[in-house]
Amino acid sequence: MNQVALRIAITLGTIFGYAAVLAVLGMSYLWLVGLLYVASIFIITAVMGIRAYRRGSQQAREVVKGKLLFDIGEKDVNKALEKDKELPNEMKKLNRIFMVYFISFPIILAGIWIFPALQSAVVPAVSERLQPSLGQFLANYLGYVALFAAFTAIFSPLYYFTFRPIQFPIIATDVKIYDTGIVINKNTGLKAPIPIQEYKYNPERKFIELRIGNQIYRIYYKDIDKVHEVVSKMVVIQERSRKPSSS
């Protein structure tokens, strides 16, 4: 399941699941819904993290069976980093993004304030209209579904533009490139052919980048042209019908 489909599934599950909790227990148990929401975020994040770690470790064990072509260590990376004059500007940009997160904190408080107001307006309106034909419980349930749907419709755009995950590349300090794939930082295996969303090659700054889902890996090396020649043949760019390009 791709990232978009997964997010849609989680959103719909949240709307229908928490609406059921409130329909059964009532609005007085809103605090319980809040606890369940926070707990579900931690559980989903932990499960996805464990699955990704296991998948990466398994692929790493398969990749190392191949022939080693490049062994890039921390010293190699640091030497290449010294020549990247644009990296400080990228770090400044990242710091500005973090500042936006702090400045946008009032949006969370606004959400806490708006939710009860939406509840008092949306749930009774939907429930009273549907109750004659569907009965009290189902009408109340659909009223809470409408409540969570309205709340999601209001705050999803705010989340998208304000609280999007920061996509800053992980600078790999331990990279081993085999003819069977790549192992990054010992535990992340990328078995060839490697499906990616974007590939960047920057010979001036001595790096290549691989974007896989929401994760970006950046590989620095003094002879990055040689690494590019090998890695560019291992990757398969999804959702785009073009070859790896320079940036």
Protein backbone atom coordinates (compact mmCIF):
# COMPACT_ATOMS: atom_id res chain seq x y z
CA MET A 1 0.00 0.00 0.00
CA ASN A 2 1.46 3.40 -1.01
CA GLN A 3 1.70 6.37 1.34
CA VAL A 4 -1.38 8.18 -0.03
CA ALA A 5 -3.61 5.11 0.25
CA LEU A 6 -2.31 4.43 3.76
CA ARG A 7 -3.07 7.98 4.91
CA ILE A 8 -6.59 7.82 3.44
CA ALA A 9 -7.20 4.48 5.18
CA ILE A 10 -5.98 5.85 8.53
CA THR A 11 -8.10 8.99 8.14
CA LEU A 12 -11.28 7.03 7.33
CA GLY A 13 -10.56 4.55 10.13
CA THR A 14 -10.17 7.45 12.56
CA ILE A 15 -13.42 9.09 11.47
CA PHE A 16 -15.60 5.96 11.63
CA GLY A 17 -13.84 4.39 14.63
CA TYR A 18 -13.90 7.39 16.96
CA ALA A 19 -17.43 8.27 15.85
CA ALA A 20 -18.47 4.80 17.05
CA VAL A 21 -16.79 5.38 20.43
CA LEU A 22 -18.63 8.66 20.97
CA ALA A 23 -21.93 7.22 19.71
CA VAL A 24 -21.72 4.44 22.31
CA LEU A 25 -20.24 6.34 25.26
CA GLY A 26 -21.42 9.88 24.63
CA MET A 27 -19.68 13.26 24.35
CA SER A 28 -18.69 13.14 28.03
CA TYR A 29 -16.02 10.58 27.02
CA LEU A 30 -14.34 12.91 24.55
CA TRP A 31 -11.23 12.74 26.75
CA LEU A 32 -11.09 9.00 26.08
CA VAL A 33 -11.21 9.60 22.34
CA GLY A 34 -8.31 11.99 22.73
CA LEU A 35 -6.26 9.39 24.62
CA LEU A 36 -7.11 6.72 22.04
CA TYR A 37 -6.11 9.07 19.24
CA VAL A 38 -2.71 9.79 20.79
CA ALA A 39 -2.17 6.10 21.57
CA SER A 40 -3.10 5.07 18.03
CA ILE A 41 -0.56 7.50 16.58
CA PHE A 42 2.21 6.00 18.72
CA ILE A 43 1.13 2.43 17.94
CA ILE A 44 0.84 2.99 14.17
CA THR A 45 4.17 4.83 14.08
CA ALA A 46 5.88 2.10 16.10
CA VAL A 47 4.46 -0.73 13.98
CA MET A 48 5.43 0.98 10.72
CA GLY A 49 8.91 1.72 12.09
CA ILE A 50 9.45 -1.89 13.19
CA ARG A 51 8.25 -3.23 9.83
CA ALA A 52 10.52 -0.85 7.94
CA TYR A 53 13.50 -1.78 10.13
CA ARG A 54 12.92 -5.51 9.66
CA ARG A 55 12.45 -5.13 5.91
CA GLY A 56 15.60 -3.03 5.63
CA SER A 57 17.64 -5.44 7.74
CA GLN A 58 16.47 -8.43 5.72
CA GLN A 59 17.37 -6.74 2.44
CA ALA A 60 20.75 -5.72 3.87
CA ARG A 61 21.57 -9.36 4.58
CA GLU A 62 20.69 -10.24 0.98
CA VAL A 63 22.61 -7.33 -0.56
CA VAL A 64 25.91 -8.07 1.25
CA LYS A 65 26.10 -11.41 -0.55
CA GLY A 66 27.08 -9.53 -3.70
CA LYS A 67 30.38 -8.06 -4.82
CA LEU A 68 31.50 -4.93 -2.94
CA LEU A 69 32.07 -1.99 -5.32
CA PHE A 70 32.34 1.05 -3.01
CA ASP A 71 32.93 1.31 0.74
CA ILE A 72 32.17 4.89 1.82
CA GLY A 73 32.94 5.66 5.46
CA GLU A 74 32.54 8.71 7.69
CA LYS A 75 35.97 10.12 6.76
CA ASP A 76 35.11 9.95 3.06
CA VAL A 77 31.81 11.70 3.70
CA ASN A 78 33.38 14.47 5.80
CA LYS A 79 35.97 15.22 3.10
CA ALA A 80 33.20 15.58 0.51
CA LEU A 81 31.06 17.66 2.89
CA GLU A 82 33.85 20.20 3.26
CA LYS A 83 33.45 21.06 -0.43
CA ASP A 84 29.66 21.47 -0.25
CA LYS A 85 29.29 25.22 0.22
CA GLU A 86 25.49 25.09 -0.14
CA LEU A 87 24.89 22.81 2.83
CA PRO A 88 24.92 25.65 5.45
CA ASN A 89 22.17 27.41 3.49
CA GLU A 90 20.10 24.22 3.53
CA MET A 91 20.53 23.98 7.29
CA LYS A 92 19.38 27.58 7.69
CA LYS A 93 16.29 26.80 5.64
CA LEU A 94 15.58 23.77 7.84
CA ASN A 95 15.83 25.94 10.96
CA ARG A 96 13.29 28.37 9.48
CA ILE A 97 10.89 25.48 8.87
CA PHE A 98 11.21 24.44 12.52
CA MET A 99 10.41 28.01 13.54
CA VAL A 100 7.18 27.84 11.51
CA TYR A 101 6.20 24.77 13.54
CA PHE A 102 6.50 26.72 16.78
CA ILE A 103 4.76 29.79 15.41
CA SER A 104 1.87 27.61 14.17
CA PHE A 105 1.19 26.14 17.61
CA PRO A 106 -1.91 28.37 18.06
CA ILE A 107 -3.57 26.34 15.28
CA ILE A 108 -3.66 23.36 17.66
CA LEU A 109 -5.32 25.49 20.33
CA ALA A 110 -7.84 26.72 17.76
CA GLY A 111 -8.69 23.12 16.92
CA ILE A 112 -9.33 22.30 20.58
CA TRP A 113 -11.65 25.29 20.81
CA ILE A 114 -13.51 24.65 17.54
CA PHE A 115 -14.23 20.95 18.11
CA PRO A 116 -16.94 21.43 20.84
CA ALA A 117 -18.51 24.21 18.77
CA LEU A 118 -18.69 21.92 15.76
CA GLN A 119 -20.12 19.16 17.93
CA SER A 120 -22.98 21.31 19.18
CA ALA A 121 -23.82 22.43 15.63
CA VAL A 122 -23.18 19.38 13.45
CA VAL A 123 -24.23 16.35 15.52
CA PRO A 124 -27.76 17.53 16.48
CA ALA A 125 -28.47 18.80 12.96
CA VAL A 126 -27.53 15.49 11.32
CA SER A 127 -29.01 13.29 14.04
CA GLU A 128 -32.41 15.00 14.13
CA ARG A 129 -32.77 14.78 10.37
CA LEU A 130 -31.86 11.08 10.16
CA GLN A 131 -33.45 9.78 13.35
CA PRO A 132 -36.99 9.25 11.95
CA SER A 133 -35.73 6.92 9.23
CA LEU A 134 -32.63 5.32 10.81
CA GLY A 135 -33.33 5.27 14.54
CA GLN A 136 -31.59 7.10 17.38
CA PHE A 137 -28.30 5.17 17.61
CA LEU A 138 -27.48 5.06 13.89
CA ALA A 139 -28.52 8.71 13.48
CA ASN A 140 -26.24 9.73 16.38
CA TYR A 141 -23.41 7.65 14.93
CA LEU A 142 -23.69 9.31 11.51
CA GLY A 143 -23.86 12.67 13.29
CA TYR A 144 -20.48 11.97 14.90
CA VAL A 145 -19.15 10.73 11.56
CA ALA A 146 -20.18 14.08 10.08
CA LEU A 147 -18.51 15.85 13.01
CA PHE A 148 -15.14 14.14 12.50
CA ALA A 149 -15.43 14.52 8.73
CA ALA A 150 -16.05 18.28 9.09
CA PHE A 151 -13.16 18.60 11.54
CA THR A 152 -10.87 16.71 9.15
CA ALA A 153 -11.98 18.81 6.18
CA ILE A 154 -11.16 22.00 8.08
CA PHE A 155 -7.80 20.99 9.53
CA SER A 156 -6.37 18.70 6.86
CA PRO A 157 -5.39 21.65 4.62
CA LEU A 158 -3.82 23.37 7.63
CA TYR A 159 -1.88 20.21 8.40
CA TYR A 160 -0.79 19.83 4.78
CA PHE A 161 0.56 23.36 4.48
CA THR A 162 1.85 23.79 8.04
CA PHE A 163 2.62 20.46 9.70
CA ARG A 164 3.87 18.41 6.79
CA PRO A 165 6.72 16.04 7.63
CA ILE A 166 10.06 17.73 7.08
CA GLN A 167 11.78 16.10 4.12
CA PHE A 168 15.43 16.76 4.81
CA PRO A 169 17.94 14.24 3.48
CA ILE A 170 19.66 11.80 5.81
CA ILE A 171 23.37 12.17 5.14
CA ALA A 172 24.62 8.59 5.05
CA THR A 173 27.94 8.17 6.88
CA ASP A 174 28.33 4.45 6.20
CA VAL A 175 27.54 3.33 2.67
CA LYS A 176 28.47 0.07 1.03
CA ILE A 177 27.55 -0.33 -2.61
CA TYR A 178 27.43 -3.86 -4.03
CA ASP A 179 26.52 -5.12 -7.45
CA THR A 180 23.32 -6.37 -5.77
CA GLY A 181 22.30 -3.09 -4.14
CA ILE A 182 23.18 -0.60 -1.40
CA VAL A 183 23.49 -0.86 2.38
CA ILE A 184 23.14 2.47 4.20
CA ASN A 185 24.23 2.89 7.80
CA LYS A 186 24.54 -0.90 8.19
CA ASN A 187 20.84 -1.70 8.72
CA THR A 188 19.09 -0.18 5.70
CA GLY A 189 19.29 -2.45 2.69
CA LEU A 190 18.19 -1.35 -0.77
CA LYS A 191 18.15 -4.35 -3.07
CA ALA A 192 18.55 -3.74 -6.79
CA PRO A 193 16.54 -2.90 -8.75
CA ILE A 194 15.72 -0.13 -6.25
CA PRO A 195 12.27 1.49 -6.69
CA ILE A 196 12.54 5.21 -5.91
CA GLN A 197 10.49 8.37 -6.46
CA GLU A 198 13.36 10.71 -7.32
CA TYR A 199 17.06 10.58 -8.11
CA LYS A 200 19.40 13.58 -7.96
CA TYR A 201 23.00 13.77 -9.09
CA ASN A 202 25.03 16.85 -8.17
CA PRO A 203 28.66 16.50 -9.29
CA GLU A 204 29.61 19.99 -8.07
CA ARG A 205 28.47 19.27 -4.50
CA LYS A 206 29.70 15.67 -4.65
CA PHE A 207 26.49 13.83 -3.81
CA ILE A 208 23.62 11.76 -5.13
CA GLU A 209 20.17 11.58 -3.54
CA LEU A 210 17.60 8.83 -3.46
CA ARG A 211 14.05 9.64 -2.41
CA ILE A 212 12.14 6.56 -1.30
CA GLY A 213 8.64 7.42 -0.10
CA ASN A 214 9.01 10.23 2.44
CA GLN A 215 12.65 9.40 3.14
CA ILE A 216 15.62 10.97 1.36
CA TYR A 217 19.10 9.47 1.48
CA ARG A 218 22.08 11.58 0.43
CA ILE A 219 25.39 9.91 -0.42
CA TYR A 220 28.54 12.06 -0.48
CA TYR A 221 31.80 10.89 -2.04
CA LYS A 222 34.85 12.52 -3.64
CA ASP A 223 34.48 10.39 -6.78
CA ILE A 224 30.72 10.77 -6.92
CA ASP A 225 30.73 10.48 -10.73
CA LYS A 226 31.87 6.86 -10.41
CA VAL A 227 29.21 6.15 -7.77
CA HIS A 228 26.57 7.80 -9.97
CA GLU A 229 27.58 5.64 -12.92
CA VAL A 230 26.92 2.49 -10.86
CA VAL A 231 23.90 3.53 -8.78
CA SER A 232 21.97 5.17 -11.63
CA LYS A 233 21.78 1.75 -13.28
CA MET A 234 20.37 0.17 -10.11
CA VAL A 235 17.40 2.49 -9.58
CA VAL A 236 13.93 2.43 -11.12
CA ILE A 237 12.11 5.75 -10.87
CA GLN A 238 8.41 5.29 -10.14
CA GLU A 239 5.64 7.70 -11.11
CA ARG A 240 7.96 9.38 -13.59
CA SER A 241 8.89 8.35 -17.08
CA ARG A 242 12.37 9.86 -17.17
CA LYS A 243 15.94 8.90 -16.51
CA PRO A 244 17.93 9.96 -13.43
CA SER A 245 19.00 13.57 -13.90
CA SER A 246 21.55 16.00 -12.58
CA SER A 247 20.54 18.82 -10.24
